[in-house]
Amino acid sequence: MPASQDMPAYDVDVIVIGAGPVGLTTGCALRHHGVACLLLEERTEQRAYSRANNLWARPQELLASVGLRDLIAERAYAIDQINFFMNGIPTTPIQIDDVASPYPQVLYSGQDVIESTLTATFTARGGKLVRGCKVVDISSDETGVTVTTKRGDDGSEERRRCRYVVAADGARSTVRPIIGLDFKTEKLKDCMNRQADAKLSWRRSMAPDQLWFFYYKRGFCGVMPVWGGYHRLFFLADDAGVPDRDPTLDEIQAIAREVTGDETLTLTDPQWLTHSRFQYGVSPGYASGRVFLAGDAGHLSLPIGGQGMNAGLHDAVEIAWRLAMTMRGEAASVVLDSYDGERGGEHARLSDQQAKGFRRTVYRGPVMDAALGLAAKAIPGIGSLLQGTDDLQQMSVSYPKSLLNADDLAGLDQLLQRGTKPGERAPDAEVTHRGETTTLFRFLYNPDGCTTGWALLCFDGRSSDAQSVLLDAIRAVAPWKNVRPRLVLAAALFGNKDIPVLSDLDSKAHAAYGLGGKPVLVLVRPDGHVAFRGPADRPKLLTAYCAHVFAARDLDVVKAD
């Protein structure tokens, strides 16, 4: 992509603004894909305390796809149970790890710990981080972006030229208003959060493998582990009579004893005492030309269900593979264009969900409180309902209206057996490869070592006569080198030395995708979401899709039937 004659050469391919967890993940993901990347951060030093601190299952899958999940897990606690109390009455504990993912346990660490891990990884991968510079202007044109920064109030300005910018500079983003994507927030009235990170002693378990949430007459309390032997206690509540200042440790201890029903509860060695009020909102878009928003730069989240940072990690992984494909010359414009609708739409949905959950949690009133108190005795898992979602683990995040979706399966069998549709997360399933029991995920992400590879799952549909149609389909997509086929065989018996053959004799993979009765092709994106599905005996449907989504090749690709 040549620069115009009146513009300087590029200093770097991508500039990421903001070195919090989302910006650092974006940088690490870009380096995973081999993209030259520079991170700019206004803070001169990393924060010494934690804000966000949990990682749900689906974000862990995405982090694993770019080689980050295990690094973070080394310095995190694995959580498998959430305990809920409604006005002192225990509800049925939720086994949070009861999800179909390789990473079912929630990881609890600390934002400061996560940032230090990601910073070291970004540097080790060849990335460059520059601290102490504030972005004061961004100017885009047809060939790139010029970023102007300033050091200190009286410092000199410096300009850097890049192909693309990812703004991950948080809720107080300086980039968002510059590019015309600012938004008004809605404030929550008469509500305050008071919080402490401290050493905890109480009569409940001290093992950092579970969480406690308490709904009480004036609000909602959470007790959760923070890395280093600390616990976080927060109290979202009606602010009547509460001083508008940071709480003291004694104040937090007193209300914690009252809410948890444990008069022995003791807090010591506080790391962080804070208070805050809440507002929320979503940007009208997540992209403007060559500038993209990620994380809180585009969505001011409410602290309900610990979704904010996790949603930002989706953004980081999603924009990284799109930029990498684009700069490698592998992608048509629709690949990069799809980011805005997918992630902007998901943040809008999440914001609405969080607002409803927050109001159920804090603004309950005596009538709702009484009803929930009765329901707590009868409804298993009521806690998940109160949180605003039954999918805290973000496993159901999908893009049903994505520009990248194409569904060419039709017929009565698909009406009766829904299956995984384009835009949805491709499910994992047990298969056998070369006599070894394994799962599909091993063959979906970074297929054959191609970080921007799209895995083509070729299901035989439990038909022993599927060989010819599947091999014809594989030959049809051979010109697109980033399409990596995998044979998923429940009945057919054949192989190819260059293509992984996954035995599905028990039809677990076929069942997971809702398939059977005929050979089917399922194309999975680098982020593990289904992009295309269609009958294997009509490969022109798939080649037409590839011609639309991938960069133009010197091919005579015929139109679909």
Protein backbone atom coordinates (compact mmCIF):
# COMPACT_ATOMS: atom_id res chain seq x y z
CA MET A 1 0.00 0.00 0.00
CA PRO A 2 2.11 2.93 -1.22
CA ALA A 3 2.20 6.23 0.64
CA SER A 4 1.37 9.43 -1.23
CA GLN A 5 4.31 11.51 -2.42
CA ASP A 6 3.64 14.38 0.00
CA MET A 7 3.55 12.11 3.07
CA PRO A 8 6.54 10.68 4.94
CA ALA A 9 7.21 6.97 4.89
CA TYR A 10 5.52 4.87 7.56
CA ASP A 11 7.22 4.76 10.94
CA VAL A 12 5.33 1.55 11.73
CA ASP A 13 2.41 -0.42 10.33
CA VAL A 14 0.05 0.00 13.31
CA ILE A 15 0.04 2.37 16.26
CA VAL A 16 -1.94 1.22 19.30
CA ILE A 17 -2.85 4.01 21.70
CA GLY A 18 -3.14 2.89 25.31
CA ALA A 19 -1.15 0.25 27.20
CA GLY A 20 -3.82 -1.19 29.46
CA PRO A 21 -4.87 -4.84 29.10
CA VAL A 22 -6.76 -4.22 25.86
CA GLY A 23 -4.04 -2.16 24.19
CA LEU A 24 -1.33 -4.58 25.27
CA THR A 25 -3.35 -7.56 24.05
CA THR A 26 -3.85 -5.81 20.72
CA GLY A 27 -0.11 -5.22 20.46
CA CYS A 28 0.74 -8.81 21.41
CA ALA A 29 -1.82 -10.16 18.93
CA LEU A 30 -0.46 -7.99 16.13
CA ARG A 31 3.06 -9.22 16.85
CA HIS A 32 1.71 -12.80 16.91
CA HIS A 33 0.63 -12.14 13.32
CA GLY A 34 3.98 -10.55 12.46
CA VAL A 35 2.69 -6.98 12.18
CA ALA A 36 5.07 -4.14 13.11
CA CYS A 37 3.43 -2.35 16.03
CA LEU A 38 4.08 0.62 18.34
CA LEU A 39 2.23 1.20 21.63
CA LEU A 40 1.84 4.74 22.94
CA GLU A 41 0.86 5.30 26.58
CA GLU A 42 0.27 8.56 28.44
CA ARG A 43 1.06 7.04 31.84
CA THR A 44 4.76 7.08 32.64
CA GLU A 45 4.44 4.01 34.88
CA GLN A 46 2.16 1.03 35.21
CA ARG A 47 -0.58 1.30 37.84
CA ALA A 48 0.39 -0.32 41.11
CA TYR A 49 -3.10 -1.66 41.80
CA SER A 50 -5.78 -3.67 40.04
CA ARG A 51 -9.01 -2.56 38.44
CA ALA A 52 -10.43 -5.36 36.27
CA ASN A 53 -9.23 -8.78 37.37
CA ASN A 54 -11.20 -11.68 35.84
CA LEU A 55 -11.07 -13.62 32.57
CA TRP A 56 -14.08 -15.62 31.38
CA ALA A 57 -13.93 -18.77 29.21
CA ARG A 58 -14.48 -17.29 25.74
CA PRO A 59 -11.90 -14.51 26.14
CA GLN A 60 -9.48 -17.18 27.36
CA GLU A 61 -10.06 -19.09 24.12
CA LEU A 62 -9.28 -15.96 22.12
CA LEU A 63 -6.19 -15.24 24.21
CA ALA A 64 -5.05 -18.83 23.66
CA SER A 65 -5.36 -18.31 19.90
CA VAL A 66 -2.66 -15.62 20.05
CA GLY A 67 -0.46 -17.38 22.61
CA LEU A 68 -1.37 -15.33 25.69
CA ARG A 69 -3.77 -17.37 27.80
CA ASP A 70 -1.30 -19.71 29.50
CA LEU A 71 1.08 -16.86 30.31
CA ILE A 72 -1.68 -15.05 32.20
CA ALA A 73 -2.94 -18.26 33.83
CA GLU A 74 0.45 -18.79 35.47
CA ARG A 75 -0.31 -15.82 37.71
CA ALA A 76 -4.03 -16.28 38.25
CA TYR A 77 -6.45 -18.18 40.48
CA ALA A 78 -8.83 -20.66 38.85
CA ILE A 79 -12.45 -20.21 40.01
CA ASP A 80 -15.10 -22.88 39.57
CA GLN A 81 -17.97 -21.85 41.87
CA ILE A 82 -20.00 -18.74 42.66
CA ASN A 83 -21.97 -18.55 45.90
CA PHE A 84 -25.03 -16.28 46.09
CA PHE A 85 -26.96 -15.01 49.10
CA MET A 86 -30.25 -13.12 48.99
CA ASN A 87 -30.83 -11.18 52.19
CA GLY A 88 -28.87 -13.81 54.08
CA ILE A 89 -30.52 -16.79 52.36
CA PRO A 90 -28.13 -18.95 50.30
CA THR A 91 -29.22 -19.77 46.76
CA THR A 92 -28.02 -22.73 44.74
CA PRO A 93 -24.29 -22.25 44.04
CA ILE A 94 -23.43 -21.85 40.39
CA GLN A 95 -20.78 -24.15 38.96
CA ILE A 96 -19.30 -21.54 36.68
CA ASP A 97 -16.98 -24.07 35.03
CA ASP A 98 -19.89 -26.07 33.60
CA VAL A 99 -19.31 -24.84 30.05
CA ALA A 100 -18.14 -26.63 26.90
CA SER A 101 -14.76 -24.95 26.62
CA PRO A 102 -11.13 -26.02 27.05
CA TYR A 103 -10.94 -23.23 29.64
CA PRO A 104 -14.08 -23.55 31.78
CA GLN A 105 -12.65 -22.11 35.00
CA VAL A 106 -12.67 -18.34 35.44
CA LEU A 107 -9.23 -16.87 35.99
CA TYR A 108 -8.87 -14.22 38.69
CA SER A 109 -5.66 -12.24 38.81
CA GLY A 110 -5.19 -8.48 38.87
CA GLN A 111 -5.03 -5.85 36.17
CA ASP A 112 -1.57 -4.80 37.31
CA VAL A 113 -0.38 -8.42 37.11
CA ILE A 114 -2.00 -8.92 33.70
CA GLU A 115 -0.43 -5.71 32.41
CA SER A 116 3.05 -6.68 33.58
CA THR A 117 2.73 -10.11 31.92
CA LEU A 118 1.49 -8.63 28.64
CA THR A 119 4.12 -5.87 28.66
CA ALA A 120 6.92 -8.42 28.98
CA THR A 121 5.37 -10.54 26.24
CA PHE A 122 4.91 -7.60 23.88
CA THR A 123 8.55 -6.60 24.30
CA ALA A 124 9.73 -10.19 23.89
CA ARG A 125 7.79 -10.38 20.63
CA GLY A 126 9.62 -7.38 19.28
CA GLY A 127 7.06 -4.68 20.02
CA LYS A 128 7.97 -1.17 21.16
CA LEU A 129 6.22 0.68 24.00
CA VAL A 130 6.67 4.44 24.44
CA ARG A 131 5.37 5.93 27.69
CA GLY A 132 4.74 9.52 28.74
CA CYS A 133 3.27 10.78 25.47
CA LYS A 134 -0.27 12.11 25.06
CA VAL A 135 -2.08 11.96 21.73
CA VAL A 136 -3.24 15.46 20.79
CA ASP A 137 -4.25 14.96 17.17
CA ILE A 138 -4.95 12.26 14.60
CA SER A 139 -5.17 12.93 10.89
CA SER A 140 -6.24 10.25 8.41
CA ASP A 141 -5.98 10.17 4.64
CA GLU A 142 -6.31 7.57 1.91
CA THR A 143 -2.96 5.95 2.58
CA GLY A 144 -2.41 6.21 6.31
CA VAL A 145 -2.71 8.04 9.62
CA THR A 146 -0.55 10.72 11.22
CA VAL A 147 -0.53 10.66 15.02
CA THR A 148 0.64 13.77 16.88
CA THR A 149 1.79 13.33 20.47
CA LYS A 150 3.05 15.65 23.17
CA ARG A 151 5.21 15.00 26.23
CA GLY A 152 3.98 16.93 29.25
CA ASP A 153 2.07 20.20 29.16
CA ASP A 154 5.05 22.13 27.81
CA GLY A 155 6.70 19.36 25.79
CA SER A 156 7.38 19.41 22.11
CA GLU A 157 5.09 17.72 19.63
CA GLU A 158 6.10 14.65 17.67
CA ARG A 159 4.44 13.14 14.63
CA ARG A 160 4.42 9.50 13.65
CA ARG A 161 3.06 7.99 10.46
CA CYS A 162 1.37 4.57 10.27
CA ARG A 163 -1.06 2.61 8.14
CA TYR A 164 -3.69 2.10 10.86
CA VAL A 165 -4.45 3.16 14.43
CA VAL A 166 -6.17 1.20 17.19
CA ALA A 167 -7.37 3.43 20.03
CA ALA A 168 -7.47 1.48 23.30
CA ASP A 169 -7.04 4.51 25.54
CA GLY A 170 -9.90 3.82 27.92
CA ALA A 171 -13.11 5.49 28.99
CA ARG A 172 -11.52 8.95 28.92
CA SER A 173 -10.24 8.39 25.41
CA THR A 174 -8.63 11.39 23.75
CA VAL A 175 -8.93 9.71 20.35
CA ARG A 176 -12.68 9.08 20.36
CA PRO A 177 -13.77 12.75 20.17
CA ILE A 178 -11.03 13.60 17.67
CA ILE A 179 -12.40 11.09 15.16
CA GLY A 180 -16.04 12.03 15.77
CA LEU A 181 -17.15 8.93 17.70
CA ASP A 182 -17.77 10.47 21.13
CA PHE A 183 -20.97 9.63 23.01
CA LYS A 184 -23.06 10.90 25.89
CA THR A 185 -23.22 8.75 28.97
CA GLU A 186 -26.20 7.92 31.12
CA LYS A 187 -25.56 8.34 34.83
CA LEU A 188 -26.98 6.05 37.48
CA LYS A 189 -28.53 8.09 40.25
CA ASP A 190 -28.33 7.62 44.00
CA CYS A 191 -25.83 4.80 43.79
CA MET A 192 -22.22 4.46 44.92
CA ASN A 193 -19.60 1.75 44.88
CA ARG A 194 -17.19 1.45 47.80
CA GLN A 195 -14.31 -0.96 47.43
CA ALA A 196 -11.22 -2.32 49.16
CA ASP A 197 -8.41 -4.67 48.13
CA ALA A 198 -7.04 -6.06 51.41
CA LYS A 199 -6.00 -9.18 53.31
CA LEU A 200 -9.12 -11.04 54.43
CA SER A 201 -9.81 -13.32 57.38
CA TRP A 202 -13.30 -14.81 57.89
CA ARG A 203 -15.10 -18.04 58.70
CA ARG A 204 -15.69 -19.01 55.07
CA SER A 205 -13.12 -20.66 52.84
CA MET A 206 -9.90 -18.78 52.26
CA ALA A 207 -9.02 -20.86 49.20
CA PRO A 208 -9.00 -18.63 46.09
CA ASP A 209 -11.21 -20.99 44.08
CA GLN A 210 -14.68 -19.46 44.52
CA LEU A 211 -16.55 -16.15 44.68
CA TRP A 212 -19.23 -14.82 47.02
CA PHE A 213 -22.01 -12.39 46.14
CA PHE A 214 -24.46 -11.01 48.69
CA TYR A 215 -27.69 -9.21 47.84
CA TYR A 216 -28.77 -7.12 50.80
CA LYS A 217 -31.54 -4.61 51.36
CA ARG A 218 -29.59 -1.60 50.19
CA GLY A 219 -27.36 -3.12 47.55
CA PHE A 220 -25.00 -5.79 46.32
CA CYS A 221 -21.66 -7.01 47.71
CA GLY A 222 -18.94 -9.11 46.13
CA VAL A 223 -15.98 -10.91 47.71
CA MET A 224 -13.36 -12.26 45.30
CA PRO A 225 -9.65 -13.10 45.24
CA VAL A 226 -7.02 -10.76 43.88
CA TRP A 227 -3.56 -12.02 43.00
CA GLY A 228 -0.99 -12.04 45.80
CA GLY A 229 -3.17 -13.34 48.64
CA TYR A 230 -5.53 -10.36 48.68
CA HIS A 231 -9.30 -10.19 48.34
CA ARG A 232 -11.51 -7.52 46.82
CA LEU A 233 -14.68 -6.47 48.60
CA PHE A 234 -17.06 -4.10 46.87
CA PHE A 235 -20.46 -2.68 47.86
CA LEU A 236 -22.80 -1.29 45.21
CA ALA A 237 -25.54 0.40 47.16
CA ASP A 238 -27.98 3.24 47.69
CA ASP A 239 -25.82 6.23 48.62
CA ALA A 240 -28.20 7.74 51.19
CA GLY A 241 -26.14 8.74 54.21
CA VAL A 242 -22.88 7.49 52.69
CA PRO A 243 -20.00 10.03 52.66
CA ASP A 244 -18.94 10.99 49.13
CA ARG A 245 -15.28 10.05 49.65
CA ASP A 246 -13.04 7.01 49.70
CA PRO A 247 -14.01 4.70 52.58
CA THR A 248 -11.80 3.83 55.50
CA LEU A 249 -10.80 0.25 56.14
CA ASP A 250 -12.85 0.24 59.34
CA GLU A 251 -15.94 1.36 57.42
CA ILE A 252 -15.53 -1.39 54.86
CA GLN A 253 -14.94 -3.98 57.58
CA ALA A 254 -18.06 -2.91 59.48
CA ILE A 255 -20.40 -3.18 56.49
CA ALA A 256 -18.73 -6.42 55.37
CA ARG A 257 -19.45 -8.01 58.74
CA GLU A 258 -23.08 -6.92 58.56
CA VAL A 259 -23.67 -8.03 54.95
CA THR A 260 -21.84 -11.39 55.12
CA GLY A 261 -23.20 -12.30 58.53
CA ASP A 262 -19.68 -13.00 59.82
CA GLU A 263 -18.83 -10.92 62.88
CA THR A 264 -15.27 -12.30 62.85
CA LEU A 265 -14.47 -10.93 59.37
CA THR A 266 -11.25 -8.89 59.55
CA LEU A 267 -9.47 -6.80 56.92
CA THR A 268 -5.82 -5.77 57.06
CA ASP A 269 -3.05 -4.39 54.85
CA PRO A 270 -5.23 -2.52 52.35
CA GLN A 271 -3.76 -2.02 48.85
CA TRP A 272 -6.58 0.10 47.52
CA LEU A 273 -9.53 1.93 49.03
CA THR A 274 -11.78 3.73 46.57
CA HIS A 275 -15.30 4.88 45.77
CA SER A 276 -17.00 5.60 42.48
CA ARG A 277 -20.28 6.41 40.78
CA PHE A 278 -21.43 4.88 37.54
CA GLN A 279 -22.35 5.94 34.07
CA TYR A 280 -22.46 4.02 30.83
CA GLY A 281 -22.66 4.49 27.08
CA VAL A 282 -21.55 3.16 23.70
CA SER A 283 -19.88 4.86 20.77
CA PRO A 284 -22.02 5.21 17.61
CA GLY A 285 -19.29 3.35 15.74
CA TYR A 286 -16.13 1.39 16.32
CA ALA A 287 -14.29 2.57 13.22
CA SER A 288 -13.63 5.81 11.39
CA GLY A 289 -11.55 5.38 8.26
CA ARG A 290 -8.25 3.86 9.31
CA VAL A 291 -8.82 4.37 13.04
CA PHE A 292 -10.51 1.69 15.17
CA LEU A 293 -11.74 1.72 18.76
CA ALA A 294 -11.16 -1.11 21.23
CA GLY A 295 -12.33 -1.69 24.78
CA ASP A 296 -13.50 1.20 26.94
CA ALA A 297 -12.42 3.69 24.29
CA GLY A 298 -15.74 2.82 22.66
CA HIS A 299 -17.84 1.46 25.52
CA LEU A 300 -18.07 2.75 29.07
CA SER A 301 -19.10 -0.45 30.87
CA LEU A 302 -20.97 -1.00 34.10
CA PRO A 303 -19.32 -3.26 36.69
CA ILE A 304 -21.89 -6.03 36.42
CA GLY A 305 -20.71 -9.56 35.71
CA GLY A 306 -17.10 -8.47 35.13
CA GLN A 307 -17.72 -8.09 31.40
CA GLY A 308 -15.88 -4.86 30.53
CA MET A 309 -12.24 -5.91 30.14
CA ASN A 310 -13.32 -9.25 28.73
CA ALA A 311 -15.31 -7.56 25.97
CA GLY A 312 -12.27 -5.41 25.21
CA LEU A 313 -10.13 -8.50 24.80
CA HIS A 314 -12.53 -9.66 22.09
CA ASP A 315 -11.91 -6.33 20.35
CA ALA A 316 -8.15 -6.75 20.58
CA VAL A 317 -8.05 -10.19 18.99
CA GLU A 318 -10.72 -9.31 16.41
CA ILE A 319 -9.02 -6.20 15.04
CA ALA A 320 -5.55 -7.80 15.05
CA TRP A 321 -6.28 -10.65 12.62
CA ARG A 322 -8.22 -8.33 10.32
CA LEU A 323 -5.37 -5.83 10.14
CA ALA A 324 -2.85 -8.63 9.63
CA MET A 325 -4.80 -10.13 6.73
CA THR A 326 -5.28 -6.72 5.16
CA MET A 327 -1.62 -5.80 5.33
CA ARG A 328 -0.57 -9.23 4.07
CA GLY A 329 -2.73 -8.70 1.01
CA GLU A 330 -4.94 -11.65 1.93
CA ALA A 331 -8.23 -9.85 2.56
CA ALA A 332 -10.80 -7.96 0.55
CA SER A 333 -12.07 -4.72 2.12
CA VAL A 334 -15.08 -6.50 3.64
CA VAL A 335 -12.83 -8.18 6.23
CA LEU A 336 -11.75 -4.90 7.82
CA ASP A 337 -15.15 -3.31 7.25
CA SER A 338 -16.83 -6.07 9.27
CA TYR A 339 -15.14 -5.07 12.54
CA ASP A 340 -17.31 -2.01 13.12
CA GLY A 341 -20.66 -3.77 12.85
CA GLU A 342 -19.59 -6.87 14.75
CA ARG A 343 -17.91 -5.32 17.74
CA GLY A 344 -19.95 -2.12 17.84
CA GLY A 345 -23.14 -4.16 17.75
CA GLU A 346 -21.90 -6.50 20.47
CA HIS A 347 -20.97 -3.61 22.76
CA ALA A 348 -24.41 -2.06 22.28
CA ARG A 349 -26.06 -5.37 23.18
CA LEU A 350 -23.79 -5.81 26.19
CA SER A 351 -24.47 -2.27 27.43
CA ASP A 352 -28.21 -2.88 27.41
CA GLN A 353 -27.75 -6.20 29.19
CA GLN A 354 -25.52 -4.66 31.85
CA ALA A 355 -27.95 -1.80 32.52
CA LYS A 356 -30.82 -4.24 33.09
CA GLY A 357 -28.72 -6.43 35.36
CA PHE A 358 -27.43 -3.44 37.31
CA ARG A 359 -30.95 -2.15 37.96
CA ARG A 360 -32.08 -5.58 39.14
CA THR A 361 -29.07 -5.71 41.43
CA VAL A 362 -29.15 -2.25 43.02
CA TYR A 363 -32.52 -0.61 42.32
CA ARG A 364 -34.68 -3.44 43.57
CA GLY A 365 -37.00 -1.84 46.11
CA PRO A 366 -38.91 -3.63 48.90
CA VAL A 367 -41.42 -5.39 46.62
CA MET A 368 -38.74 -6.85 44.32
CA ASP A 369 -36.61 -7.70 47.35
CA ALA A 370 -39.43 -9.67 48.92
CA ALA A 371 -40.15 -11.51 45.66
CA LEU A 372 -36.50 -12.39 45.16
CA GLY A 373 -36.22 -13.53 48.74
CA LEU A 374 -38.97 -16.07 48.11
CA ALA A 375 -37.56 -17.01 44.71
CA ALA A 376 -34.13 -17.60 46.22
CA LYS A 377 -35.56 -20.61 48.03
CA ALA A 378 -37.04 -22.14 44.90
CA ILE A 379 -35.10 -21.13 41.80
CA PRO A 380 -31.69 -22.75 41.25
CA GLY A 381 -29.19 -20.38 39.74
CA ILE A 382 -31.17 -17.24 40.54
CA GLY A 383 -27.88 -15.43 40.93
CA SER A 384 -27.12 -15.72 37.23
CA LEU A 385 -30.51 -14.25 36.40
CA LEU A 386 -29.88 -11.28 38.66
CA GLN A 387 -26.52 -10.64 37.02
CA GLY A 388 -28.28 -9.78 33.77
CA THR A 389 -27.26 -12.86 31.81
CA ASP A 390 -27.09 -16.62 31.99
CA ASP A 391 -23.84 -16.47 30.00
CA LEU A 392 -21.27 -14.83 32.23
CA GLN A 393 -18.61 -16.80 30.35
CA GLN A 394 -19.37 -14.93 27.07
CA MET A 395 -19.72 -18.22 25.18
CA SER A 396 -22.79 -17.00 23.30
CA VAL A 397 -21.15 -13.90 21.79
CA SER A 398 -22.05 -14.05 18.10
CA TYR A 399 -22.35 -11.87 15.02
CA PRO A 400 -25.62 -12.86 13.30
CA LYS A 401 -25.55 -9.84 10.96
CA SER A 402 -21.86 -9.89 10.10
CA LEU A 403 -20.75 -8.84 6.65
CA LEU A 404 -18.68 -12.04 6.63
CA ASN A 405 -21.60 -14.43 7.06
CA ALA A 406 -22.88 -16.73 4.33
CA ASP A 407 -25.27 -19.62 4.96
CA ASP A 408 -26.00 -21.86 1.98
CA LEU A 409 -27.52 -24.77 3.87
CA ALA A 410 -31.24 -25.20 3.38
CA GLY A 411 -33.90 -27.85 3.61
CA LEU A 412 -36.06 -29.59 6.17
CA ASP A 413 -33.12 -31.26 7.92
CA GLN A 414 -31.69 -27.86 8.84
CA LEU A 415 -35.04 -26.69 10.18
CA LEU A 416 -35.24 -29.76 12.39
CA GLN A 417 -31.60 -29.69 13.45
CA ARG A 418 -30.50 -26.10 13.93
CA GLY A 419 -26.73 -26.49 13.89
CA THR A 420 -24.09 -23.80 14.29
CA LYS A 421 -24.87 -20.85 12.05
CA PRO A 422 -22.47 -18.30 10.54
CA GLY A 423 -21.48 -15.66 13.05
CA GLU A 424 -21.63 -18.07 15.98
CA ARG A 425 -18.67 -19.51 17.85
CA ALA A 426 -17.50 -22.76 16.29
CA PRO A 427 -18.01 -25.39 18.99
CA ASP A 428 -15.30 -27.71 20.16
CA ALA A 429 -15.78 -31.48 20.00
CA GLU A 430 -13.84 -34.64 20.67
CA VAL A 431 -12.22 -36.25 17.61
CA THR A 432 -9.38 -38.67 16.97
CA HIS A 433 -6.26 -37.78 14.98
CA ARG A 434 -3.65 -40.43 14.16
CA GLY A 435 -4.97 -42.59 16.98
CA GLU A 436 -4.82 -39.80 19.54
CA THR A 437 -7.94 -38.48 21.25
CA THR A 438 -8.01 -34.72 20.81
CA THR A 439 -10.48 -31.92 20.00
CA LEU A 440 -11.39 -29.76 17.04
CA PHE A 441 -9.95 -26.62 18.65
CA ARG A 442 -6.44 -27.90 18.06
CA PHE A 443 -7.17 -27.70 14.32
CA LEU A 444 -9.17 -24.46 14.21
CA TYR A 445 -6.86 -21.76 15.52
CA ASN A 446 -3.60 -21.01 13.69
CA PRO A 447 -4.30 -23.92 11.33
CA ASP A 448 -1.09 -25.49 10.03
CA GLY A 449 0.86 -22.66 11.64
CA CYS A 450 -0.91 -19.97 9.60
CA THR A 451 -1.90 -17.27 12.08
CA THR A 452 -4.50 -15.80 9.71
CA GLY A 453 -5.64 -19.20 8.49
CA TRP A 454 -9.31 -20.07 8.03
CA ALA A 455 -10.06 -23.69 8.92
CA LEU A 456 -12.27 -25.49 6.39
CA LEU A 457 -14.06 -28.34 8.15
CA CYS A 458 -15.08 -30.94 5.57
CA PHE A 459 -17.78 -33.11 7.18
CA ASP A 460 -18.66 -36.36 5.41
CA GLY A 461 -22.23 -36.22 6.80
CA ARG A 462 -21.92 -39.84 7.92
CA SER A 463 -21.84 -40.85 4.27
CA SER A 464 -19.34 -43.51 3.20
CA ASP A 465 -19.47 -42.15 -0.36
CA ALA A 466 -18.32 -38.61 0.50
CA GLN A 467 -14.73 -38.90 -0.72
CA SER A 468 -15.14 -37.48 -4.22
CA VAL A 469 -17.24 -34.43 -3.29
CA LEU A 470 -14.99 -33.50 -0.37
CA LEU A 471 -11.81 -33.80 -2.43
CA ASP A 472 -13.38 -31.77 -5.24
CA ALA A 473 -14.24 -29.03 -2.74
CA ILE A 474 -10.70 -29.06 -1.33
CA ARG A 475 -9.23 -28.73 -4.81
CA ALA A 476 -11.58 -25.84 -5.55
CA VAL A 477 -10.22 -23.71 -2.70
CA ALA A 478 -6.56 -24.61 -3.24
CA PRO A 479 -5.71 -21.17 -4.75
CA TRP A 480 -6.51 -19.51 -1.40
CA LYS A 481 -3.56 -20.60 0.69
CA ASN A 482 -4.99 -19.28 3.95
CA VAL A 483 -7.94 -21.71 3.64
CA ARG A 484 -6.73 -24.81 5.48
CA PRO A 485 -8.90 -27.96 5.02
CA ARG A 486 -9.60 -30.58 7.70
CA LEU A 487 -11.45 -33.81 6.92
CA VAL A 488 -14.01 -34.72 9.62
CA LEU A 489 -15.02 -38.29 8.85
CA ALA A 490 -17.75 -40.23 10.61
CA ALA A 491 -18.24 -42.90 7.95
CA ALA A 492 -15.96 -42.36 4.96
CA LEU A 493 -12.53 -43.97 4.90
CA PHE A 494 -9.86 -42.06 3.02
CA GLY A 495 -6.95 -39.80 3.72
CA ASN A 496 -4.62 -37.17 2.34
CA LYS A 497 -1.06 -36.78 3.55
CA ASP A 498 -1.30 -32.98 3.41
CA ILE A 499 -4.67 -32.64 5.17
CA PRO A 500 -5.46 -33.58 8.80
CA VAL A 501 -7.97 -36.42 8.97
CA LEU A 502 -10.12 -36.22 12.09
CA SER A 503 -12.02 -39.38 12.91
CA ASP A 504 -15.54 -38.71 14.20
CA LEU A 505 -16.80 -42.29 14.36
CA ASP A 506 -19.04 -41.44 17.34
CA SER A 507 -20.37 -38.38 15.46
CA LYS A 508 -19.57 -36.02 18.34
CA ALA A 509 -18.29 -33.31 15.99
CA HIS A 510 -21.17 -33.78 13.56
CA ALA A 511 -23.63 -33.47 16.44
CA ALA A 512 -21.92 -30.36 17.82
CA TYR A 513 -22.42 -28.64 14.46
CA GLY A 514 -25.92 -30.05 13.92
CA LEU A 515 -24.90 -31.97 10.81
CA GLY A 516 -25.76 -35.31 9.32
CA GLY A 517 -27.22 -36.85 6.21
CA LYS A 518 -25.00 -35.16 3.63
CA PRO A 519 -21.44 -33.85 3.29
CA VAL A 520 -21.11 -30.22 4.41
CA LEU A 521 -18.39 -27.57 4.34
CA VAL A 522 -17.96 -25.23 7.32
CA LEU A 523 -15.43 -22.40 7.04
CA VAL A 524 -14.16 -21.05 10.38
CA ARG A 525 -12.51 -17.65 10.73
CA PRO A 526 -9.20 -17.05 12.58
CA ASP A 527 -11.18 -15.98 15.67
CA GLY A 528 -13.07 -19.28 15.81
CA HIS A 529 -16.42 -17.98 14.51
CA VAL A 530 -18.19 -19.75 11.65
CA ALA A 531 -18.16 -17.69 8.45
CA PHE A 532 -19.67 -19.97 5.81
CA ARG A 533 -21.49 -23.27 5.58
CA GLY A 534 -22.78 -25.00 2.52
CA PRO A 535 -23.25 -28.37 0.79
CA ALA A 536 -20.00 -30.04 -0.18
CA ASP A 537 -21.39 -31.09 -3.58
CA ARG A 538 -21.67 -27.44 -4.63
CA PRO A 539 -18.13 -26.15 -4.16
CA LYS A 540 -18.79 -23.12 -6.37
CA LEU A 541 -20.76 -21.63 -3.49
CA LEU A 542 -17.61 -21.74 -1.38
CA THR A 543 -15.31 -20.43 -4.11
CA ALA A 544 -17.69 -17.53 -4.71
CA TYR A 545 -17.50 -16.75 -0.99
CA CYS A 546 -13.71 -16.89 -1.04
CA ALA A 547 -13.60 -14.56 -4.04
CA HIS A 548 -15.76 -12.09 -2.11
CA VAL A 549 -13.86 -12.19 1.19
CA PHE A 550 -10.26 -12.78 0.25
CA ALA A 551 -7.91 -10.67 -1.84
CA ALA A 552 -8.32 -10.91 -5.59
CA ARG A 553 -6.28 -13.62 -7.25
CA ASP A 554 -5.51 -14.35 -10.87
CA LEU A 555 -8.35 -16.83 -10.97
CA ASP A 556 -11.28 -17.54 -13.19
CA VAL A 557 -13.65 -18.10 -10.29
CA VAL A 558 -17.05 -18.95 -11.64
CA LYS A 559 -20.22 -17.69 -10.01
CA ALA A 560 -22.20 -19.89 -7.69
CA ASP A 561 -24.90 -22.15 -9.05
